[in-house]
Amino acid sequence: MKNFAQLHAAMHRALHSLLPSPVPSRQIKLGGQYAKADGVNHVMPLKSNDSPMLIAAFPINKRAAAGLLPGKEMRPFSLGGKALLMVMVVNHTSTDIGTYIEYSLAIAITHGSRPVPPFLPLLFQKSFRLGQFVVDLPVNTEISVKCGKGVWGMPKHQANLDFVVTDATVSAQYDQDGRLGCYIEIEMPAPVGLPVRLAVANYGAFRGMLWKSDSYVEGTANVAYGGQAKARLVLGDAPGVAPLKTLHVAPKPVFTAWLPDAHSLLDDHVEAWFLTATTEAGAAALRGGGTMDSVVGLGQSREWLAPPDRSLTAH
């Protein structure tokens, strides 16, 4: 059994070595350098190692999704006439700002001035600028909010989070001020052990601008598609998830994925654009995220908030 496990691990390493790495060469050259951004010390490049991750994608109403995208240059990614709600929760166990849980609720999008054909963005991600617009991004430490929102423009805010792994399921819940935000539970996919190397473009609104940051994920994923994918998603009444309740989220996921020990790298390069509208009143009405004063007073505490109340989602 031990020899089989060693052989299995060796095969996965060999498969990973055949996959092209999406990590830019600049990030590799930064290895061993140090940085201090907004008073927070960082060791470059910005890595998160051995961090469990769950992912689930749910069909949503395409027109409703388009209504949640601020500005003019994002469009919902289309799959079978439906847009996609992407749920991604990471239990960061090793970063230079400590351990924390990150709970991403996002709409899959393409970024550009023209509509794009269905499916093709999956094959040509860079050409069609495939990514996700993050609607809500709770984390459970103050320092993660300070860095993610203040430096990268991510819509982070502190909340009560957990990440629970059993033999049969992986689940995560987020509460805000005693109110349920979101609960996601996936049934463990079959252990296919698919080697993955992914580039993820994350877009978020902050200070009336659209911010783009890139992360790169490597790991071994167990993935389930279609009827094999089992998940339960519950949206609560916390303010951050209110927009998502307009999307008519389908109960059955398109796919689920479980990465028991993902490795990710956050690019230190950030892009930002003004969010625009055809009128001054329209610009004022855009969902432009928070303002600078929402991060000015934040400290660097790495202490976790208390876990959420699981009785809110009891069957």
Protein backbone atom coordinates (compact mmCIF):
# COMPACT_ATOMS: atom_id res chain seq x y z
CA MET A 1 0.00 0.00 0.00
CA LYS A 2 2.85 2.38 0.84
CA ASN A 3 4.59 1.65 -2.45
CA PHE A 4 1.31 2.22 -4.33
CA ALA A 5 0.84 5.59 -2.60
CA GLN A 6 4.38 6.60 -3.48
CA LEU A 7 3.85 5.56 -7.09
CA HIS A 8 0.55 7.45 -7.22
CA ALA A 9 2.21 10.61 -5.86
CA ALA A 10 5.07 10.28 -8.35
CA MET A 11 2.61 9.97 -11.25
CA HIS A 12 0.81 13.13 -10.18
CA ARG A 13 4.10 15.02 -9.93
CA ALA A 14 4.99 13.85 -13.42
CA LEU A 15 1.61 14.96 -14.80
CA HIS A 16 1.95 18.35 -13.12
CA SER A 17 5.35 18.81 -14.71
CA LEU A 18 3.77 18.35 -18.17
CA LEU A 19 1.18 21.08 -17.62
CA PRO A 20 2.28 24.59 -18.60
CA SER A 21 2.56 26.90 -15.62
CA PRO A 22 0.38 30.04 -15.83
CA VAL A 23 2.64 31.87 -13.34
CA PRO A 24 4.42 34.83 -15.00
CA SER A 25 8.21 34.69 -14.99
CA ARG A 26 8.31 37.95 -13.04
CA GLN A 27 6.68 36.29 -10.06
CA ILE A 28 9.28 33.53 -10.11
CA LYS A 29 12.10 36.09 -10.23
CA LEU A 30 10.62 37.82 -7.17
CA GLY A 31 11.36 34.76 -5.05
CA GLY A 32 13.23 35.68 -1.88
CA GLN A 33 12.43 39.40 -2.12
CA TYR A 34 10.62 41.32 0.62
CA ALA A 35 7.95 44.02 0.42
CA LYS A 36 6.00 46.25 2.78
CA ALA A 37 2.65 47.34 1.36
CA ASP A 38 0.38 49.59 3.46
CA GLY A 39 2.45 48.72 6.52
CA VAL A 40 2.13 44.94 6.09
CA ASN A 41 5.27 42.83 5.60
CA HIS A 42 5.28 40.34 2.73
CA VAL A 43 7.67 37.67 1.48
CA MET A 44 7.61 37.45 -2.29
CA PRO A 45 5.99 35.93 -4.22
CA LEU A 46 2.71 35.91 -2.32
CA LYS A 47 1.94 32.24 -1.74
CA SER A 48 -0.66 30.15 0.06
CA ASN A 49 0.47 26.56 0.50
CA ASP A 50 -1.30 23.31 1.41
CA SER A 51 -4.67 25.07 1.61
CA PRO A 52 -7.90 23.05 1.17
CA MET A 53 -10.29 24.52 -1.39
CA LEU A 54 -13.86 23.77 -2.46
CA ILE A 55 -15.46 25.05 -5.66
CA ALA A 56 -19.02 24.82 -6.96
CA ALA A 57 -20.64 26.42 -10.01
CA PHE A 58 -24.41 26.98 -10.26
CA PRO A 59 -26.50 28.12 -13.27
CA ILE A 60 -28.06 31.57 -12.84
CA ASN A 61 -30.25 33.87 -14.91
CA LYS A 62 -28.04 35.58 -17.47
CA ARG A 63 -30.01 38.83 -17.67
CA ALA A 64 -30.16 39.15 -13.89
CA ALA A 65 -26.42 38.51 -13.68
CA ALA A 66 -25.75 41.25 -16.24
CA GLY A 67 -27.76 43.63 -14.06
CA LEU A 68 -25.33 43.11 -11.17
CA LEU A 69 -22.22 43.93 -13.20
CA PRO A 70 -21.24 47.59 -12.80
CA GLY A 71 -19.93 49.63 -15.73
CA LYS A 72 -20.01 48.69 -19.40
CA GLU A 73 -17.15 46.28 -19.98
CA MET A 74 -18.16 43.08 -18.18
CA ARG A 75 -20.57 40.49 -19.51
CA PRO A 76 -21.75 37.24 -17.95
CA PHE A 77 -20.01 34.17 -19.32
CA SER A 78 -22.63 32.05 -21.09
CA LEU A 79 -22.90 28.28 -20.79
CA GLY A 80 -25.99 26.71 -22.32
CA GLY A 81 -27.83 30.02 -22.19
CA LYS A 82 -27.15 30.44 -18.47
CA ALA A 83 -24.64 32.48 -16.52
CA LEU A 84 -22.67 30.93 -13.65
CA LEU A 85 -22.43 31.68 -9.95
CA MET A 86 -18.98 30.61 -8.75
CA VAL A 87 -18.62 29.63 -5.09
CA MET A 88 -15.04 29.18 -3.94
CA VAL A 89 -13.96 28.77 -0.32
CA VAL A 90 -10.30 28.44 0.69
CA ASN A 91 -8.94 27.56 4.10
CA HIS A 92 -5.58 29.34 3.90
CA THR A 93 -3.31 27.38 6.22
CA SER A 94 0.03 28.97 5.29
CA THR A 95 0.44 32.59 4.16
CA ASP A 96 2.64 35.50 5.21
CA ILE A 97 -0.39 37.21 6.79
CA GLY A 98 -1.35 34.16 8.83
CA THR A 99 -4.14 31.64 8.52
CA TYR A 100 -7.63 32.65 7.44
CA ILE A 101 -10.72 31.49 5.52
CA GLU A 102 -11.76 33.24 2.31
CA TYR A 103 -15.33 32.84 1.00
CA SER A 104 -15.80 34.03 -2.60
CA LEU A 105 -19.21 34.47 -4.25
CA ALA A 106 -18.72 35.57 -7.85
CA ILE A 107 -20.24 35.73 -11.34
CA ALA A 108 -18.22 34.25 -14.21
CA ILE A 109 -17.58 37.04 -16.73
CA THR A 110 -15.65 38.16 -19.77
CA HIS A 111 -14.08 41.61 -19.75
CA GLY A 112 -14.10 43.70 -22.91
CA SER A 113 -16.13 46.06 -25.04
CA ARG A 114 -17.81 43.40 -27.19
CA PRO A 115 -19.93 40.30 -26.54
CA VAL A 116 -18.14 36.97 -27.00
CA PRO A 117 -19.36 33.60 -28.32
CA PRO A 118 -20.36 30.89 -25.83
CA PHE A 119 -17.78 28.24 -24.82
CA LEU A 120 -14.82 29.83 -26.64
CA PRO A 121 -13.62 31.74 -23.55
CA LEU A 122 -13.01 28.36 -21.89
CA LEU A 123 -10.49 27.53 -24.61
CA PHE A 124 -8.98 31.01 -25.03
CA GLN A 125 -9.11 32.51 -21.56
CA LYS A 126 -6.58 35.27 -22.16
CA SER A 127 -7.99 36.32 -25.52
CA PHE A 128 -11.52 36.70 -24.16
CA ARG A 129 -10.37 37.82 -20.70
CA LEU A 130 -12.37 35.20 -18.85
CA GLY A 131 -12.61 35.82 -15.13
CA GLN A 132 -15.02 36.33 -12.28
CA PHE A 133 -16.62 39.42 -10.81
CA VAL A 134 -16.59 38.97 -7.05
CA VAL A 135 -19.88 40.13 -5.54
CA ASP A 136 -19.12 39.19 -1.92
CA LEU A 137 -15.85 38.18 -0.29
CA PRO A 138 -15.97 37.67 3.48
CA VAL A 139 -12.83 36.64 5.36
CA ASN A 140 -12.39 36.02 9.05
CA THR A 141 -9.31 38.13 9.94
CA GLU A 142 -8.79 41.88 9.96
CA ILE A 143 -5.37 41.78 8.29
CA SER A 144 -6.82 39.92 5.30
CA VAL A 145 -9.39 42.69 4.82
CA LYS A 146 -6.67 45.34 5.12
CA CYS A 147 -4.51 43.70 2.44
CA GLY A 148 -7.13 42.33 0.09
CA LYS A 149 -9.34 45.43 0.00
CA GLY A 150 -6.82 48.19 0.60
CA VAL A 151 -4.14 46.93 -1.80
CA TRP A 152 -5.95 44.77 -4.39
CA GLY A 153 -9.41 46.35 -4.35
CA MET A 154 -11.14 43.10 -3.45
CA PRO A 155 -14.56 43.48 -1.75
CA LYS A 156 -13.38 41.87 1.47
CA HIS A 157 -15.05 42.31 4.84
CA GLN A 158 -14.68 40.45 8.12
CA ALA A 159 -17.29 37.84 9.04
CA ASN A 160 -17.81 34.61 10.97
CA LEU A 161 -16.61 31.72 8.80
CA ASP A 162 -15.91 28.01 9.07
CA PHE A 163 -14.62 25.20 6.85
CA VAL A 164 -15.65 21.66 7.77
CA VAL A 165 -14.32 18.49 6.12
CA THR A 166 -15.77 15.02 6.71
CA ASP A 167 -15.33 11.72 4.88
CA ALA A 168 -18.47 12.42 2.84
CA THR A 169 -18.75 16.21 2.49
CA VAL A 170 -16.97 19.56 2.55
CA SER A 171 -18.96 22.54 3.79
CA ALA A 172 -18.47 26.17 4.70
CA GLN A 173 -20.72 28.77 6.25
CA TYR A 174 -20.56 32.52 6.66
CA ASP A 175 -22.55 34.66 9.08
CA GLN A 176 -22.61 38.44 9.45
CA ASP A 177 -23.74 40.03 12.72
CA GLY A 178 -25.75 36.95 13.66
CA ARG A 179 -27.42 36.64 10.25
CA LEU A 180 -26.75 33.86 7.77
CA GLY A 181 -24.78 34.93 4.75
CA CYS A 182 -24.24 31.71 2.83
CA TYR A 183 -23.91 27.98 3.36
CA ILE A 184 -22.31 25.69 0.79
CA GLU A 185 -21.93 21.94 1.08
CA ILE A 186 -20.57 19.62 -1.59
CA GLU A 187 -20.58 15.87 -1.63
CA MET A 188 -17.05 14.55 -1.96
CA PRO A 189 -16.43 13.96 -5.68
CA ALA A 190 -14.93 10.65 -6.75
CA PRO A 191 -11.14 10.64 -6.18
CA VAL A 192 -10.08 11.16 -9.79
CA GLY A 193 -6.95 13.08 -8.79
CA LEU A 194 -6.97 15.51 -11.72
CA PRO A 195 -3.78 17.61 -11.85
CA VAL A 196 -4.65 21.30 -12.35
CA ARG A 197 -2.77 24.52 -12.99
CA LEU A 198 -5.20 27.42 -13.29
CA ALA A 199 -5.03 31.18 -13.77
CA VAL A 200 -7.95 33.04 -12.20
CA ALA A 201 -8.69 36.69 -13.01
CA ASN A 202 -10.61 38.33 -10.18
CA TYR A 203 -12.54 41.56 -10.68
CA GLY A 204 -14.05 43.65 -7.91
CA ALA A 205 -15.57 47.09 -7.40
CA PHE A 206 -13.98 49.50 -4.92
CA ARG A 207 -13.79 53.31 -4.77
CA GLY A 208 -15.89 53.62 -7.93
CA MET A 209 -13.35 51.63 -9.93
CA LEU A 210 -13.09 48.12 -11.31
CA TRP A 211 -10.02 46.32 -9.96
CA LYS A 212 -8.42 43.24 -11.50
CA SER A 213 -6.02 40.90 -9.74
CA ASP A 214 -4.71 37.53 -10.86
CA SER A 215 -4.11 34.37 -8.87
CA TYR A 216 -2.65 31.05 -9.93
CA VAL A 217 -3.77 27.75 -8.45
CA GLU A 218 -2.00 24.40 -8.58
CA GLY A 219 -3.11 21.14 -7.04
CA THR A 220 -4.81 17.83 -7.46
CA ALA A 221 -8.57 18.11 -7.83
CA ASN A 222 -11.42 15.67 -7.46
CA VAL A 223 -14.13 16.93 -9.80
CA ALA A 224 -17.76 15.95 -10.43
CA TYR A 225 -19.87 17.16 -13.39
CA GLY A 226 -23.56 17.25 -14.19
CA GLY A 227 -25.61 14.61 -12.43
CA GLN A 228 -22.56 13.37 -10.53
CA ALA A 229 -22.09 16.76 -8.85
CA LYS A 230 -23.99 17.09 -5.56
CA ALA A 231 -24.19 20.33 -3.62
CA ARG A 232 -26.44 22.34 -1.34
CA LEU A 233 -26.39 26.15 -1.44
CA VAL A 234 -28.32 28.35 0.98
CA LEU A 235 -28.33 32.14 0.67
CA GLY A 236 -29.26 33.96 3.84
CA ASP A 237 -30.32 37.52 4.61
CA ALA A 238 -26.94 39.12 5.36
CA PRO A 239 -26.49 42.35 3.33
CA GLY A 240 -23.59 41.03 1.23
CA VAL A 241 -25.61 38.25 -0.39
CA ALA A 242 -28.79 40.25 -1.04
CA PRO A 243 -27.84 40.92 -4.70
CA LEU A 244 -27.30 37.21 -5.31
CA LYS A 245 -30.88 36.39 -4.37
CA THR A 246 -32.04 38.13 -7.57
CA LEU A 247 -30.14 35.65 -9.76
CA HIS A 248 -32.56 32.69 -9.60
CA VAL A 249 -29.79 30.28 -8.64
CA ALA A 250 -30.49 26.72 -9.82
CA PRO A 251 -30.37 24.09 -7.06
CA LYS A 252 -28.17 21.68 -9.01
CA PRO A 253 -24.54 22.60 -9.70
CA VAL A 254 -22.82 22.38 -13.07
CA PHE A 255 -19.74 20.99 -11.36
CA THR A 256 -18.08 20.68 -7.97
CA ALA A 257 -14.39 20.37 -7.13
CA TRP A 258 -12.37 19.53 -4.05
CA LEU A 259 -8.66 20.34 -3.80
CA PRO A 260 -7.41 18.98 -0.47
CA ASP A 261 -4.04 20.75 -0.58
CA ALA A 262 -4.08 23.52 -3.16
CA HIS A 263 -1.15 25.85 -3.68
CA SER A 264 -1.91 29.37 -4.88
CA LEU A 265 0.05 32.48 -5.77
CA LEU A 266 -1.36 36.01 -5.82
CA ASP A 267 0.20 38.28 -8.45
CA ASP A 268 1.42 41.62 -7.09
CA HIS A 269 0.40 43.33 -10.35
CA VAL A 270 -2.97 45.10 -10.13
CA GLU A 271 -5.05 46.90 -12.78
CA ALA A 272 -7.90 49.35 -12.27
CA TRP A 273 -10.38 51.22 -14.46
CA PHE A 274 -12.97 53.88 -13.70
CA LEU A 275 -16.53 52.56 -13.75
CA THR A 276 -18.45 54.69 -16.23
CA ALA A 277 -22.03 55.43 -17.24
CA THR A 278 -23.65 57.60 -19.93
CA THR A 279 -24.84 60.20 -17.40
CA GLU A 280 -23.57 61.75 -14.19
CA ALA A 281 -26.59 60.38 -12.33
CA GLY A 282 -25.93 56.94 -13.78
CA ALA A 283 -22.33 57.02 -12.61
CA ALA A 284 -23.45 58.01 -9.11
CA ALA A 285 -25.86 55.06 -9.05
CA LEU A 286 -23.25 52.44 -9.99
CA ARG A 287 -22.42 49.70 -7.52
CA GLY A 288 -18.91 51.00 -7.07
CA GLY A 289 -18.00 49.26 -3.83
CA GLY A 290 -16.84 50.90 -0.62
CA THR A 291 -14.77 54.06 -0.21
CA MET A 292 -11.23 54.54 1.09
CA ASP A 293 -12.41 55.31 4.62
CA SER A 294 -13.58 51.67 4.92
CA VAL A 295 -9.93 50.52 5.16
CA VAL A 296 -8.10 53.52 6.64
CA GLY A 297 -8.57 52.48 10.27
CA LEU A 298 -7.92 48.76 9.87
CA GLY A 299 -5.19 47.06 11.88
CA GLN A 300 -3.22 43.87 11.40
CA SER A 301 -4.98 41.45 13.74
CA ARG A 302 -4.73 37.81 12.71
CA GLU A 303 -7.31 36.65 15.25
CA TRP A 304 -10.25 34.71 13.83
CA LEU A 305 -13.78 35.79 14.58
CA ALA A 306 -15.92 33.14 16.28
CA PRO A 307 -17.30 30.44 13.95
CA PRO A 308 -20.80 30.85 12.51
CA ASP A 309 -23.97 29.40 14.00
CA ARG A 310 -24.58 26.12 12.22
CA SER A 311 -28.09 25.88 13.65
CA LEU A 312 -29.11 28.52 11.10
CA THR A 313 -28.73 25.94 8.33
CA ALA A 314 -29.82 22.78 10.12
CA HIS A 315 -31.74 20.42 7.82
